[in-house]
């Protein structure tokens, strides 16, 4: 199966790559995530093309979406695979958000290595990249203990308020979703 879909991983057409990512997530569901982890690690660290890295990270996202809480035993490995690709910022952030959503309310320890880069990112990025970073932080905050959730929520509120005034509808949806998570934390209710 992997050999048959391998050429489509770095295809120029994004639609082909997205379809390939979904197909690989079905393979992971059938064979088990551990069977695909070495392959995913190799693809996400590929020096050949950014398309291959992008597709590898998209596969991780699709696995989280398809398998839900079944990713918990493999969460740390999947986060480490994505962490190496933080140069492909938007898809990495969206994949981390999908993993955090699938793992909720467990697994905060798995996100320790990416929390600092995500936190720096919401202070430095703008536009769609910022929206992806906010989404990732928004899904990670509910996994935290109340004290840490309070800290991250309070300090991200300035950015959320600023971005809610943006004309971008997608940004407003993400801000409202993150604000909803903040309201759900016991310390901010």
Protein backbone atom coordinates (compact mmCIF):
# COMPACT_ATOMS: atom_id res chain seq x y z
CA UNK A 1 0.00 0.00 0.00
CA UNK A 2 2.78 2.41 0.94
CA UNK A 3 4.68 1.58 -2.25
CA UNK A 4 1.60 2.27 -4.37
CA UNK A 5 0.94 5.70 -2.83
CA UNK A 6 4.56 6.79 -2.36
CA UNK A 7 4.82 8.80 -5.63
CA UNK A 8 1.78 10.90 -4.69
CA UNK A 9 3.34 12.15 -1.45
CA UNK A 10 5.35 14.85 -3.20
CA UNK A 11 2.96 15.45 -6.08
CA UNK A 12 2.73 19.07 -7.21
CA UNK A 13 -1.09 19.02 -7.06
CA UNK A 14 -2.32 19.75 -3.51
CA UNK A 15 -5.56 17.83 -4.10
CA UNK A 16 -3.58 14.66 -4.86
CA UNK A 17 -1.45 15.15 -1.72
CA UNK A 18 -4.54 15.70 0.47
CA UNK A 19 -6.21 12.59 -0.93
CA UNK A 20 -3.01 10.63 -0.35
CA UNK A 21 -2.92 11.84 3.27
CA UNK A 22 -6.48 10.66 3.83
CA UNK A 23 -5.69 7.30 2.24
CA UNK A 24 -2.65 6.89 4.50
CA UNK A 25 -4.78 7.64 7.54
CA UNK A 26 -7.09 4.80 6.52
CA UNK A 27 -4.03 2.55 6.18
CA UNK A 28 -2.94 3.62 9.69
CA UNK A 29 -6.40 2.79 10.96
CA UNK A 30 -6.26 -0.66 9.38
CA UNK A 31 -2.65 -1.60 10.15
CA UNK A 32 -2.22 0.39 13.34
CA UNK A 33 -0.39 3.66 13.90
CA UNK A 34 2.90 2.01 15.01
CA UNK A 35 3.24 0.39 11.57
CA UNK A 36 3.32 3.84 9.93
CA UNK A 37 5.41 5.77 12.47
CA UNK A 38 8.85 5.01 10.93
CA UNK A 39 7.52 5.88 7.48
CA UNK A 40 5.95 9.12 8.75
CA UNK A 41 9.17 10.11 10.50
CA UNK A 42 11.15 9.60 7.31
CA UNK A 43 8.64 11.52 5.17
CA UNK A 44 8.37 14.44 7.60
CA UNK A 45 12.15 14.79 7.74
CA UNK A 46 12.56 14.48 3.97
CA UNK A 47 15.12 16.79 2.44
CA UNK A 48 13.78 16.00 -1.04
CA UNK A 49 10.84 18.40 -1.13
CA UNK A 50 8.63 20.52 1.07
CA UNK A 51 5.62 18.79 -0.49
CA UNK A 52 6.67 15.47 1.04
CA UNK A 53 7.08 17.06 4.48
CA UNK A 54 3.73 18.82 4.10
CA UNK A 55 1.98 15.58 3.16
CA UNK A 56 3.61 13.68 6.04
CA UNK A 57 2.36 16.24 8.52
CA UNK A 58 -1.06 16.20 6.84
CA UNK A 59 -1.11 12.41 7.31
CA UNK A 60 -0.61 12.94 11.06
CA UNK A 61 -3.51 15.40 11.05
CA UNK A 62 -5.76 13.01 9.15
CA UNK A 63 -4.86 10.15 11.51
CA UNK A 64 -5.94 12.32 14.46
CA UNK A 65 -9.19 13.26 12.73
CA UNK A 66 -10.01 9.70 11.68
CA UNK A 67 -8.92 7.80 14.79
CA UNK A 68 -9.77 10.28 17.55
CA UNK A 69 -8.68 9.19 21.02
CA UNK A 70 -6.99 6.08 19.57
CA UNK A 71 -3.96 8.32 18.98
CA UNK A 72 -3.33 8.64 22.73
CA UNK A 73 -0.80 5.78 23.02
CA UNK A 74 1.14 7.26 20.08
CA UNK A 75 0.60 10.94 20.83
CA UNK A 76 4.16 11.73 21.89
CA UNK A 77 5.63 10.07 18.80
CA UNK A 78 3.22 11.93 16.49
CA UNK A 79 3.94 15.28 18.15
CA UNK A 80 7.70 14.66 17.86
CA UNK A 81 7.30 13.88 14.17
CA UNK A 82 5.36 17.11 13.62
CA UNK A 83 7.73 19.14 15.81
CA UNK A 84 10.57 18.63 13.34
CA UNK A 85 8.43 20.18 10.64
CA UNK A 86 7.57 23.43 12.39
CA UNK A 87 9.12 25.19 9.40
CA UNK A 88 5.95 24.25 7.49
CA UNK A 89 4.14 26.38 10.03
CA UNK A 90 0.48 26.36 9.09
CA UNK A 91 0.01 22.63 8.53
CA UNK A 92 2.09 21.79 11.62
CA UNK A 93 -0.08 24.02 13.79
CA UNK A 94 -3.29 22.60 12.33
CA UNK A 95 -2.00 19.05 12.84
CA UNK A 96 -1.08 19.81 16.45
CA UNK A 97 -4.58 21.24 16.94
CA UNK A 98 -6.12 18.05 15.53
CA UNK A 99 -3.96 15.88 17.81
CA UNK A 100 -4.84 17.98 20.87
CA UNK A 101 -8.53 17.83 19.99
CA UNK A 102 -8.35 14.05 19.56
CA UNK A 103 -6.42 13.55 22.81
CA UNK A 104 -8.60 15.80 24.99
CA UNK A 105 -8.65 15.89 27.97
CA UNK A 106 -5.39 13.92 28.23
CA UNK A 107 -1.87 14.19 26.89
CA UNK A 108 -0.59 17.65 27.81
CA UNK A 109 2.85 16.15 28.48
CA UNK A 110 3.14 15.22 24.81
CA UNK A 111 2.83 18.87 23.78
CA UNK A 112 5.56 20.24 26.08
CA UNK A 113 8.15 20.40 23.29
CA UNK A 114 5.91 22.41 20.92
CA UNK A 115 4.22 24.72 23.41
CA UNK A 116 7.04 27.29 23.47
CA UNK A 117 7.35 27.60 19.65
CA UNK A 118 3.56 27.89 19.35
CA UNK A 119 3.48 30.53 22.08
CA UNK A 120 6.23 32.54 20.36
CA UNK A 121 4.38 32.11 17.08
CA UNK A 122 1.16 33.73 18.26
CA UNK A 123 3.22 36.78 19.20
CA UNK A 124 5.16 37.03 15.93
CA UNK A 125 2.94 35.77 13.10
CA UNK A 126 0.02 37.40 11.33
CA UNK A 127 -2.78 36.28 9.03
CA UNK A 128 -3.46 32.63 8.27
CA UNK A 129 -0.33 31.42 10.07
CA UNK A 130 -1.43 33.23 13.23
CA UNK A 131 -4.91 31.70 12.88
CA UNK A 132 -3.37 28.22 12.73
CA UNK A 133 -1.15 28.91 15.76
CA UNK A 134 -4.13 30.27 17.73
CA UNK A 135 -6.13 27.18 16.86
CA UNK A 136 -3.32 24.93 18.13
CA UNK A 137 -2.95 26.89 21.38
CA UNK A 138 -6.73 26.92 21.73
CA UNK A 139 -6.94 23.14 21.60
CA UNK A 140 -3.92 22.65 23.90
CA UNK A 141 -5.13 25.01 26.67
CA UNK A 142 -8.00 22.71 27.79
CA UNK A 143 -5.48 19.91 28.35
CA UNK A 144 -3.57 21.99 30.92
CA UNK A 145 -3.91 22.19 34.68
CA UNK A 146 -6.04 25.14 35.79
CA UNK A 147 -3.06 27.28 36.81
CA UNK A 148 -1.28 26.96 33.45
CA UNK A 149 -4.53 27.26 31.51
CA UNK A 150 -5.24 30.51 33.36
CA UNK A 151 -1.79 31.91 32.50
CA UNK A 152 -1.99 31.04 28.80
CA UNK A 153 -5.59 32.20 28.51
CA UNK A 154 -4.96 35.58 30.15
CA UNK A 155 -1.87 36.24 28.08
CA UNK A 156 -3.46 35.22 24.78
CA UNK A 157 -6.57 37.35 25.38
CA UNK A 158 -4.88 40.54 24.08
CA UNK A 159 -4.14 38.81 20.78
CA UNK A 160 -7.63 37.30 20.60
CA UNK A 161 -9.27 40.69 21.13
CA UNK A 162 -7.03 42.31 18.51
CA UNK A 163 -7.66 39.56 15.96
CA UNK A 164 -11.42 39.54 16.53
CA UNK A 165 -11.45 43.02 15.00
CA UNK A 166 -9.94 41.54 11.83
CA UNK A 167 -12.14 41.53 8.70
CA UNK A 168 -11.17 37.87 8.07
CA UNK A 169 -14.16 35.66 8.88
CA UNK A 170 -12.03 32.54 9.35
CA UNK A 171 -9.93 34.38 11.95
CA UNK A 172 -13.09 35.44 13.81
CA UNK A 173 -14.31 31.81 13.91
CA UNK A 174 -11.00 30.63 15.34
CA UNK A 175 -10.94 33.46 17.90
CA UNK A 176 -14.47 32.54 19.04
CA UNK A 177 -13.51 28.87 19.28
CA UNK A 178 -10.38 29.66 21.34
CA UNK A 179 -12.41 32.03 23.52
CA UNK A 180 -14.92 29.21 24.07
CA UNK A 181 -12.10 26.96 25.29
CA UNK A 182 -10.87 29.71 27.57
CA UNK A 183 -14.33 30.09 29.04
CA UNK A 184 -14.49 26.32 29.61
CA UNK A 185 -11.36 26.34 31.78
CA UNK A 186 -12.30 26.30 35.49
CA UNK A 187 -10.23 29.35 36.32
CA UNK A 188 -11.83 31.59 33.69
CA UNK A 189 -15.47 30.48 33.93
